[in-house]
PDB file of N, CA and C in Angstrom:
ATOM      1  N   UNK A   1      10.892 -16.579  13.799  1.00  0.00           N
ATOM      2  CA  UNK A   1       9.877 -16.076  14.817  1.00  0.00           C
ATOM      3  C   UNK A   1       8.363 -16.486  14.738  1.00  0.00           C
ATOM      4  N   UNK A   2       7.600 -16.113  15.395  1.00  0.00           N
ATOM      5  CA  UNK A   2       6.452 -16.585  15.577  1.00  0.00           C
ATOM      6  C   UNK A   2       5.007 -15.267  15.353  1.00  0.00           C
ATOM      7  N   UNK A   3       4.312 -15.181  14.327  1.00  0.00           N
ATOM      8  CA  UNK A   3       3.802 -14.279  14.101  1.00  0.00           C
ATOM      9  C   UNK A   3       2.174 -14.719  14.277  1.00  0.00           C
ATOM     10  N   UNK A   4       1.264 -13.825  14.289  1.00  0.00           N
ATOM     11  CA  UNK A   4      -0.242 -14.535  14.157  1.00  0.00           C
ATOM     12  C   UNK A   4      -0.759 -13.717  12.841  1.00  0.00           C
ATOM     13  N   UNK A   5      -1.180 -15.452  11.832  1.00  0.00           N
ATOM     14  CA  UNK A   5      -1.869 -15.249  10.376  1.00  0.00           C
ATOM     15  C   UNK A   5      -3.225 -15.426  10.916  1.00  0.00           C
ATOM     16  N   UNK A   6      -4.237 -14.550  10.028  1.00  0.00           N
ATOM     17  CA  UNK A   6      -5.759 -14.647  10.073  1.00  0.00           C
ATOM     18  C   UNK A   6      -5.942 -15.809  11.608  1.00  0.00           C
ATOM     19  N   UNK A   7      -5.106 -15.229  12.655  1.00  0.00           N
ATOM     20  CA  UNK A   7      -5.544 -15.614  13.961  1.00  0.00           C
ATOM     21  C   UNK A   7      -5.208 -16.929  14.107  1.00  0.00           C
ATOM     22  N   UNK A   8      -4.277 -17.463  13.959  1.00  0.00           N
ATOM     23  CA  UNK A   8      -3.355 -18.478  14.271  1.00  0.00           C
ATOM     24  C   UNK A   8      -1.869 -18.153  14.109  1.00  0.00           C
ATOM     25  N   UNK A   9      -1.332 -18.501  15.203  1.00  0.00           N
ATOM     26  CA  UNK A   9       0.332 -18.302  15.609  1.00  0.00           C
ATOM     27  C   UNK A   9       0.838 -19.597  14.530  1.00  0.00           C
ATOM     28  N   UNK A  10       1.677 -18.617  13.791  1.00  0.00           N
ATOM     29  CA  UNK A  10       2.692 -19.357  12.975  1.00  0.00           C
ATOM     30  C   UNK A  10       3.939 -18.790  13.120  1.00  0.00           C
ATOM     31  N   UNK A  11       4.877 -19.654  12.716  1.00  0.00           N
ATOM     32  CA  UNK A  11       6.306 -19.696  12.779  1.00  0.00           C
ATOM     33  C   UNK A  11       6.749 -18.829  11.214  1.00  0.00           C
ATOM     34  N   UNK A  12       7.692 -18.152  11.260  1.00  0.00           N
ATOM     35  CA  UNK A  12       8.028 -17.905   9.707  1.00  0.00           C
ATOM     36  C   UNK A  12       9.494 -17.688  10.220  1.00  0.00           C
ATOM     37  N   UNK A  13      10.481 -17.542   9.053  1.00  0.00           N
ATOM     38  CA  UNK A  13      11.687 -17.011   9.151  1.00  0.00           C
ATOM     39  C   UNK A  13      12.280 -15.763   9.192  1.00  0.00           C
ATOM     40  N   UNK A  14      12.918 -15.524  10.185  1.00  0.00           N
ATOM     41  CA  UNK A  14      13.569 -13.906  11.022  1.00  0.00           C
ATOM     42  C   UNK A  14      13.527 -12.948   9.904  1.00  0.00           C
ATOM     43  N   UNK A  15      13.788 -13.234   8.680  1.00  0.00           N
ATOM     44  CA  UNK A  15      13.430 -12.027   7.500  1.00  0.00           C
ATOM     45  C   UNK A  15      13.111 -12.552   6.466  1.00  0.00           C
ATOM     46  N   UNK A  16      11.332 -12.385   7.340  1.00  0.00           N
ATOM     47  CA  UNK A  16      10.052 -12.803   6.421  1.00  0.00           C
ATOM     48  C   UNK A  16       9.925 -11.338   6.022  1.00  0.00           C
ATOM     49  N   UNK A  17       9.414 -10.997   4.702  1.00  0.00           N
ATOM     50  CA  UNK A  17       8.663 -10.035   4.279  1.00  0.00           C
ATOM     51  C   UNK A  17       7.327 -10.279   4.207  1.00  0.00           C
ATOM     52  N   UNK A  18       6.293  -9.437   3.503  1.00  0.00           N
ATOM     53  CA  UNK A  18       4.832  -9.658   3.153  1.00  0.00           C
ATOM     54  C   UNK A  18       5.187 -10.560   2.218  1.00  0.00           C
ATOM     55  N   UNK A  19       5.785 -10.415   1.157  1.00  0.00           N
ATOM     56  CA  UNK A  19       6.052 -10.716  -0.533  1.00  0.00           C
ATOM     57  C   UNK A  19       6.125 -12.321   0.045  1.00  0.00           C
ATOM     58  N   UNK A  20       7.332 -12.313   0.994  1.00  0.00           N
ATOM     59  CA  UNK A  20       8.013 -13.973   1.527  1.00  0.00           C
ATOM     60  C   UNK A  20       7.152 -14.409   1.778  1.00  0.00           C
ATOM     61  N   UNK A  21       5.854 -13.818   3.110  1.00  0.00           N
ATOM     62  CA  UNK A  21       5.307 -15.041   3.215  1.00  0.00           C
ATOM     63  C   UNK A  21       4.146 -15.465   2.507  1.00  0.00           C
ATOM     64  N   UNK A  22       3.579 -13.960   1.483  1.00  0.00           N
ATOM     65  CA  UNK A  22       2.931 -14.650   0.669  1.00  0.00           C
ATOM     66  C   UNK A  22       3.363 -15.973  -0.712  1.00  0.00           C
ATOM     67  N   UNK A  23       4.443 -15.938  -0.416  1.00  0.00           N
ATOM     68  CA  UNK A  23       4.846 -16.811  -1.213  1.00  0.00           C
ATOM     69  C   UNK A  23       5.173 -18.520  -1.208  1.00  0.00           C
ATOM     70  N   UNK A  24       5.492 -18.441   0.479  1.00  0.00           N
ATOM     71  CA  UNK A  24       5.414 -19.653   1.362  1.00  0.00           C
ATOM     72  C   UNK A  24       4.010 -20.338   1.288  1.00  0.00           C
ATOM     73  N   UNK A  25       3.359 -19.388   1.421  1.00  0.00           N
ATOM     74  CA  UNK A  25       1.692 -19.513   1.425  1.00  0.00           C
ATOM     75  C   UNK A  25       0.896 -19.959  -0.014  1.00  0.00           C
ATOM     76  N   UNK A  26       2.068 -20.265  -1.104  1.00  0.00           N
ATOM     77  CA  UNK A  26       1.593 -19.916  -2.619  1.00  0.00           C
ATOM     78  C   UNK A  26       0.720 -18.980  -2.819  1.00  0.00           C
ATOM     79  N   UNK A  27       0.517 -17.925  -2.321  1.00  0.00           N
ATOM     80  CA  UNK A  27      -0.980 -16.986  -2.393  1.00  0.00           C
ATOM     81  C   UNK A  27      -0.178 -15.920  -3.356  1.00  0.00           C
ATOM     82  N   UNK A  28      -0.960 -15.745  -4.526  1.00  0.00           N
ATOM     83  CA  UNK A  28      -0.731 -14.726  -5.398  1.00  0.00           C
ATOM     84  C   UNK A  28      -1.009 -12.817  -4.616  1.00  0.00           C
ATOM     85  N   UNK A  29       0.217 -12.265  -4.823  1.00  0.00           N
ATOM     86  CA  UNK A  29       0.101 -11.093  -4.059  1.00  0.00           C
ATOM     87  C   UNK A  29      -1.087 -10.062  -4.708  1.00  0.00           C
ATOM     88  N   UNK A  30      -1.334 -10.199  -5.885  1.00  0.00           N
ATOM     89  CA  UNK A  30      -2.294  -9.446  -6.886  1.00  0.00           C
ATOM     90  C   UNK A  30      -3.840  -9.887  -6.687  1.00  0.00           C
ATOM     91  N   UNK A  31      -3.808 -10.906  -5.997  1.00  0.00           N
ATOM     92  CA  UNK A  31      -5.276 -11.488  -5.715  1.00  0.00           C
ATOM     93  C   UNK A  31      -5.674 -11.089  -4.029  1.00  0.00           C
ATOM     94  N   UNK A  32      -4.684 -10.588  -3.155  1.00  0.00           N
ATOM     95  CA  UNK A  32      -5.552 -10.591  -2.102  1.00  0.00           C
ATOM     96  C   UNK A  32      -5.332  -9.483  -1.242  1.00  0.00           C
ATOM     97  N   UNK A  33      -5.183  -8.983  -0.417  1.00  0.00           N
ATOM     98  CA  UNK A  33      -5.176  -7.703   0.887  1.00  0.00           C
ATOM     99  C   UNK A  33      -4.614  -8.469   1.722  1.00  0.00           C
ATOM    100  N   UNK A  34      -3.600  -7.261   2.335  1.00  0.00           N
ATOM    101  CA  UNK A  34      -2.795  -7.760   3.229  1.00  0.00           C
ATOM    102  C   UNK A  34      -2.845  -6.519   4.959  1.00  0.00           C
ATOM    103  N   UNK A  35      -3.433  -7.072   6.083  1.00  0.00           N
ATOM    104  CA  UNK A  35      -3.086  -6.146   7.157  1.00  0.00           C
ATOM    105  C   UNK A  35      -1.911  -6.540   7.861  1.00  0.00           C
ATOM    106  N   UNK A  36      -0.954  -5.620   8.407  1.00  0.00           N
ATOM    107  CA  UNK A  36      -0.535  -6.181   9.541  1.00  0.00           C
ATOM    108  C   UNK A  36      -0.262  -5.457  10.852  1.00  0.00           C
ATOM    109  N   UNK A  37      -0.889  -5.330  11.617  1.00  0.00           N
ATOM    110  CA  UNK A  37      -1.120  -4.940  12.960  1.00  0.00           C
ATOM    111  C   UNK A  37      -1.986  -3.734  12.717  1.00  0.00           C
ATOM    112  N   UNK A  38      -3.223  -4.397  11.894  1.00  0.00           N
ATOM    113  CA  UNK A  38      -3.885  -3.260  11.753  1.00  0.00           C
ATOM    114  C   UNK A  38      -3.938  -2.358  10.690  1.00  0.00           C
ATOM    115  N   UNK A  39      -2.682  -1.712  10.183  1.00  0.00           N
ATOM    116  CA  UNK A  39      -2.652  -1.733   9.049  1.00  0.00           C
ATOM    117  C   UNK A  39      -2.778  -2.251   7.686  1.00  0.00           C
ATOM    118  N   UNK A  40      -3.482  -1.637   6.504  1.00  0.00           N
ATOM    119  CA  UNK A  40      -3.342  -2.284   5.196  1.00  0.00           C
ATOM    120  C   UNK A  40      -1.987  -2.295   4.705  1.00  0.00           C
ATOM    121  N   UNK A  41      -1.335  -2.876   4.051  1.00  0.00           N
ATOM    122  CA  UNK A  41      -0.118  -2.817   3.378  1.00  0.00           C
ATOM    123  C   UNK A  41      -0.401  -2.392   1.643  1.00  0.00           C
ATOM    124  N   UNK A  42       0.428  -1.522   1.156  1.00  0.00           N
ATOM    125  CA  UNK A  42       0.408  -1.492  -0.060  1.00  0.00           C
ATOM    126  C   UNK A  42       0.625  -2.317  -0.774  1.00  0.00           C
ATOM    127  N   UNK A  43       0.288  -3.000  -2.128  1.00  0.00           N
ATOM    128  CA  UNK A  43       0.745  -3.864  -2.550  1.00  0.00           C
ATOM    129  C   UNK A  43       2.211  -3.951  -3.093  1.00  0.00           C
ATOM    130  N   UNK A  44       2.334  -2.535  -3.566  1.00  0.00           N
ATOM    131  CA  UNK A  44       3.557  -2.305  -4.098  1.00  0.00           C
ATOM    132  C   UNK A  44       5.036  -2.504  -2.940  1.00  0.00           C
ATOM    133  N   UNK A  45       4.338  -2.391  -1.969  1.00  0.00           N
ATOM    134  CA  UNK A  45       5.555  -2.620  -0.626  1.00  0.00           C
ATOM    135  C   UNK A  45       5.435  -4.068  -0.268  1.00  0.00           C
ATOM    136  N   UNK A  46       4.860  -4.575  -0.803  1.00  0.00           N
ATOM    137  CA  UNK A  46       5.138  -6.151  -0.146  1.00  0.00           C
ATOM    138  C   UNK A  46       6.334  -6.609  -0.067  1.00  0.00           C
ATOM    139  N   UNK A  47       7.276  -6.513  -1.140  1.00  0.00           N
ATOM    140  CA  UNK A  47       8.416  -7.085  -0.608  1.00  0.00           C
ATOM    141  C   UNK A  47       9.479  -6.008   0.654  1.00  0.00           C
ATOM    142  N   UNK A  48       9.081  -5.176   0.210  1.00  0.00           N
ATOM    143  CA  UNK A  48      10.104  -4.029   1.191  1.00  0.00           C
ATOM    144  C   UNK A  48       9.316  -4.045   2.944  1.00  0.00           C
ATOM    145  N   UNK A  49       8.174  -4.726   2.931  1.00  0.00           N
ATOM    146  CA  UNK A  49       7.292  -4.624   4.241  1.00  0.00           C
ATOM    147  C   UNK A  49       7.972  -5.689   4.783  1.00  0.00           C
ATOM    148  N   UNK A  50       8.875  -5.578   5.798  1.00  0.00           N
ATOM    149  CA  UNK A  50       9.382  -6.873   7.058  1.00  0.00           C
ATOM    150  C   UNK A  50       8.166  -7.334   8.519  1.00  0.00           C
ATOM    151  N   UNK A  51       8.611  -8.309   8.496  1.00  0.00           N
ATOM    152  CA  UNK A  51       7.373  -8.830   9.677  1.00  0.00           C
ATOM    153  C   UNK A  51       8.241  -9.135  10.702  1.00  0.00           C
ATOM    154  N   UNK A  52       7.869  -8.666  11.607  1.00  0.00           N
ATOM    155  CA  UNK A  52       8.370  -8.677  13.407  1.00  0.00           C
ATOM    156  C   UNK A  52       7.911  -9.860  14.087  1.00  0.00           C
ATOM    157  N   UNK A  53       8.251 -10.321  14.913  1.00  0.00           N
ATOM    158  CA  UNK A  53       8.119 -11.071  15.963  1.00  0.00           C
ATOM    159  C   UNK A  53       6.831 -10.403  16.337  1.00  0.00           C
ATOM    160  N   UNK A  54       5.529 -11.159  16.705  1.00  0.00           N
ATOM    161  CA  UNK A  54       4.467 -11.021  17.186  1.00  0.00           C
ATOM    162  C   UNK A  54       3.539 -10.489  16.206  1.00  0.00           C
ATOM    163  N   UNK A  55       3.777  -9.862  15.371  1.00  0.00           N
ATOM    164  CA  UNK A  55       3.332  -9.007  14.166  1.00  0.00           C
ATOM    165  C   UNK A  55       1.483  -9.724  14.367  1.00  0.00           C
ATOM    166  N   UNK A  56       0.660  -9.448  13.786  1.00  0.00           N
ATOM    167  CA  UNK A  56      -0.833  -9.758  13.704  1.00  0.00           C
ATOM    168  C   UNK A  56      -0.910  -9.373  12.261  1.00  0.00           C
ATOM    169  N   UNK A  57      -0.853 -10.155  11.186  1.00  0.00           N
ATOM    170  CA  UNK A  57      -0.991 -10.482   9.438  1.00  0.00           C
ATOM    171  C   UNK A  57      -2.496 -11.092   9.178  1.00  0.00           C
ATOM    172  N   UNK A  58      -3.410  -9.970   8.780  1.00  0.00           N
ATOM    173  CA  UNK A  58      -4.788 -10.693   8.134  1.00  0.00           C
ATOM    174  C   UNK A  58      -4.425 -10.756   6.459  1.00  0.00           C
ATOM    175  N   UNK A  59      -4.385 -11.812   5.861  1.00  0.00           N
ATOM    176  CA  UNK A  59      -4.799 -12.165   4.062  1.00  0.00           C
ATOM    177  C   UNK A  59      -5.894 -12.100   4.008  1.00  0.00           C
ATOM    178  N   UNK A  60      -6.019 -11.309   3.266  1.00  0.00           N
ATOM    179  CA  UNK A  60      -7.863 -11.487   2.446  1.00  0.00           C
ATOM    180  C   UNK A  60      -7.906 -11.665   1.066  1.00  0.00           C
ATOM    181  N   UNK A  61      -8.477 -12.732   0.689  1.00  0.00           N
ATOM    182  CA  UNK A  61      -8.647 -12.645  -0.474  1.00  0.00           C
ATOM    183  C   UNK A  61      -9.805 -12.268  -1.518  1.00  0.00           C
ATOM    184  N   UNK A  62      -9.465 -11.935  -2.457  1.00  0.00           N
ATOM    185  CA  UNK A  62     -10.663 -11.434  -3.490  1.00  0.00           C
ATOM    186  C   UNK A  62     -11.718 -12.400  -4.162  1.00  0.00           C
ATOM    187  N   UNK A  63     -12.934 -12.232  -4.087  1.00  0.00           N
ATOM    188  CA  UNK A  63     -13.688 -13.439  -4.959  1.00  0.00           C
ATOM    189  C   UNK A  63     -14.309 -12.517  -5.803  1.00  0.00           C
ATOM    190  N   UNK A  64     -14.352 -12.817  -7.024  1.00  0.00           N
ATOM    191  CA  UNK A  64     -15.540 -12.355  -8.269  1.00  0.00           C
ATOM    192  C   UNK A  64     -16.313 -12.966  -8.495  1.00  0.00           C
ATOM    193  N   UNK A  65     -16.885 -12.082  -9.462  1.00  0.00           N
ATOM    194  CA  UNK A  65     -18.329 -12.811  -9.788  1.00  0.00           C
ATOM    195  C   UNK A  65     -19.546 -12.447  -9.242  1.00  0.00           C
ATOM    196  N   UNK A  66     -20.312 -12.972  -8.998  1.00  0.00           N
ATOM    197  CA  UNK A  66     -21.801 -12.382  -8.645  1.00  0.00           C
ATOM    198  C   UNK A  66     -23.305 -12.716  -9.743  1.00  0.00           C
ATOM    199  N   UNK A  67     -24.209 -12.333  -9.598  1.00  0.00           N
ATOM    200  CA  UNK A  67     -25.471 -12.341 -10.279  1.00  0.00           C
ATOM    201  C   UNK A  67     -25.770 -10.712 -10.702  1.00  0.00           C
ATOM    202  N   UNK A  68     -26.030 -10.760 -11.818  1.00  0.00           N
ATOM    203  CA  UNK A  68     -26.495  -9.777 -12.239  1.00  0.00           C
ATOM    204  C   UNK A  68     -27.664  -9.005 -11.572  1.00  0.00           C
ATOM    205  N   UNK A  69     -27.683  -7.499 -11.480  1.00  0.00           N
ATOM    206  CA  UNK A  69     -28.713  -6.918 -10.254  1.00  0.00           C
ATOM    207  C   UNK A  69     -29.737  -6.949 -10.618  1.00  0.00           C
ATOM    208  N   UNK A  70     -30.135  -6.578 -12.680  1.00  0.00           N
ATOM    209  CA  UNK A  70     -31.115  -6.095 -13.200  1.00  0.00           C
ATOM    210  C   UNK A  70     -31.426  -6.966 -13.957  1.00  0.00           C
ATOM    211  N   UNK A  71     -32.578  -7.616 -14.389  1.00  0.00           N
ATOM    212  CA  UNK A  71     -32.890  -7.851 -15.742  1.00  0.00           C
ATOM    213  C   UNK A  71     -32.993  -7.120 -17.392  1.00  0.00           C
ATOM    214  N   UNK A  72     -32.715  -7.972 -18.009  1.00  0.00           N
ATOM    215  CA  UNK A  72     -32.234  -7.161 -18.960  1.00  0.00           C
ATOM    216  C   UNK A  72     -33.859  -7.498 -19.700  1.00  0.00           C
ATOM    217  N   UNK A  73     -33.937  -6.330 -20.468  1.00  0.00           N
ATOM    218  CA  UNK A  73     -35.477  -6.132 -21.344  1.00  0.00           C
ATOM    219  C   UNK A  73     -35.375  -5.930 -22.492  1.00  0.00           C
TER     220      UNK A  73
END
Protein backbone atom coordinates (compact mmCIF):
# COMPACT_ATOMS: atom_id res chain seq x y z
CA UNK A 1 0.00 0.00 0.00
CA UNK A 2 1.08 3.58 -0.44
CA UNK A 3 1.32 6.23 2.29
CA UNK A 4 2.78 9.72 2.38
CA UNK A 5 5.74 9.86 4.77
CA UNK A 6 7.10 13.31 5.62
CA UNK A 7 5.69 14.64 2.36
CA UNK A 8 6.97 11.84 0.11
CA UNK A 9 5.07 8.87 -1.32
CA UNK A 10 6.23 5.50 0.05
CA UNK A 11 5.16 1.89 -0.40
CA UNK A 12 4.76 -0.13 2.80
CA UNK A 13 3.42 -3.65 3.51
CA UNK A 14 -0.37 -4.04 3.88
CA UNK A 15 -0.22 -4.93 7.59
CA UNK A 16 2.05 -2.02 8.53
CA UNK A 17 1.81 -0.40 11.96
CA UNK A 18 3.54 2.73 13.16
CA UNK A 19 5.99 0.50 15.06
CA UNK A 20 6.79 -1.63 12.01
CA UNK A 21 7.25 1.49 9.87
CA UNK A 22 9.74 2.88 12.39
CA UNK A 23 11.55 -0.48 12.48
CA UNK A 24 11.75 -0.49 8.68
CA UNK A 25 13.20 3.02 8.80
CA UNK A 26 15.60 1.96 11.59
CA UNK A 27 14.26 4.68 13.88
CA UNK A 28 13.89 4.20 17.63
CA UNK A 29 10.34 4.92 18.74
CA UNK A 30 11.48 6.60 21.95
CA UNK A 31 13.33 9.26 19.96
CA UNK A 32 10.49 10.54 17.77
CA UNK A 33 6.96 11.88 17.71
CA UNK A 34 4.62 10.44 15.09
CA UNK A 35 1.57 12.06 13.57
CA UNK A 36 -0.91 10.18 11.37
CA UNK A 37 -3.44 12.28 9.45
CA UNK A 38 -2.79 15.30 11.71
CA UNK A 39 -3.28 13.26 14.93
CA UNK A 40 -0.38 12.67 17.29
CA UNK A 41 0.03 8.96 18.05
CA UNK A 42 0.73 8.02 21.66
CA UNK A 43 4.06 6.20 21.77
CA UNK A 44 2.44 3.40 23.84
CA UNK A 45 0.13 2.63 20.89
CA UNK A 46 2.70 2.55 18.05
CA UNK A 47 2.45 -1.26 17.82
CA UNK A 48 -1.34 -1.30 17.60
CA UNK A 49 -1.76 1.71 15.31
CA UNK A 50 -2.33 0.30 11.83
CA UNK A 51 -1.58 2.40 8.79
CA UNK A 52 -4.01 2.51 5.89
CA UNK A 53 -3.77 3.31 2.19
CA UNK A 54 -3.25 7.04 1.69
CA UNK A 55 -2.38 7.87 5.32
CA UNK A 56 -0.23 10.94 5.79
CA UNK A 57 2.50 10.19 8.34
CA UNK A 58 4.93 12.67 9.84
CA UNK A 59 7.90 11.42 11.89
CA UNK A 60 9.59 14.16 13.90
CA UNK A 61 12.91 13.55 15.66
CA UNK A 62 13.95 15.18 18.90
CA UNK A 63 17.23 17.05 19.08
CA UNK A 64 18.88 17.50 22.46
CA UNK A 65 21.51 19.85 23.69
CA UNK A 66 21.73 23.57 23.37
CA UNK A 67 23.53 26.40 25.02
CA UNK A 68 23.14 27.61 28.54
CA UNK A 69 20.95 30.72 28.63
CA UNK A 70 22.53 32.46 31.63
CA UNK A 71 26.14 33.06 32.54
CA UNK A 72 27.31 31.53 35.77
CA UNK A 73 28.73 34.04 38.22
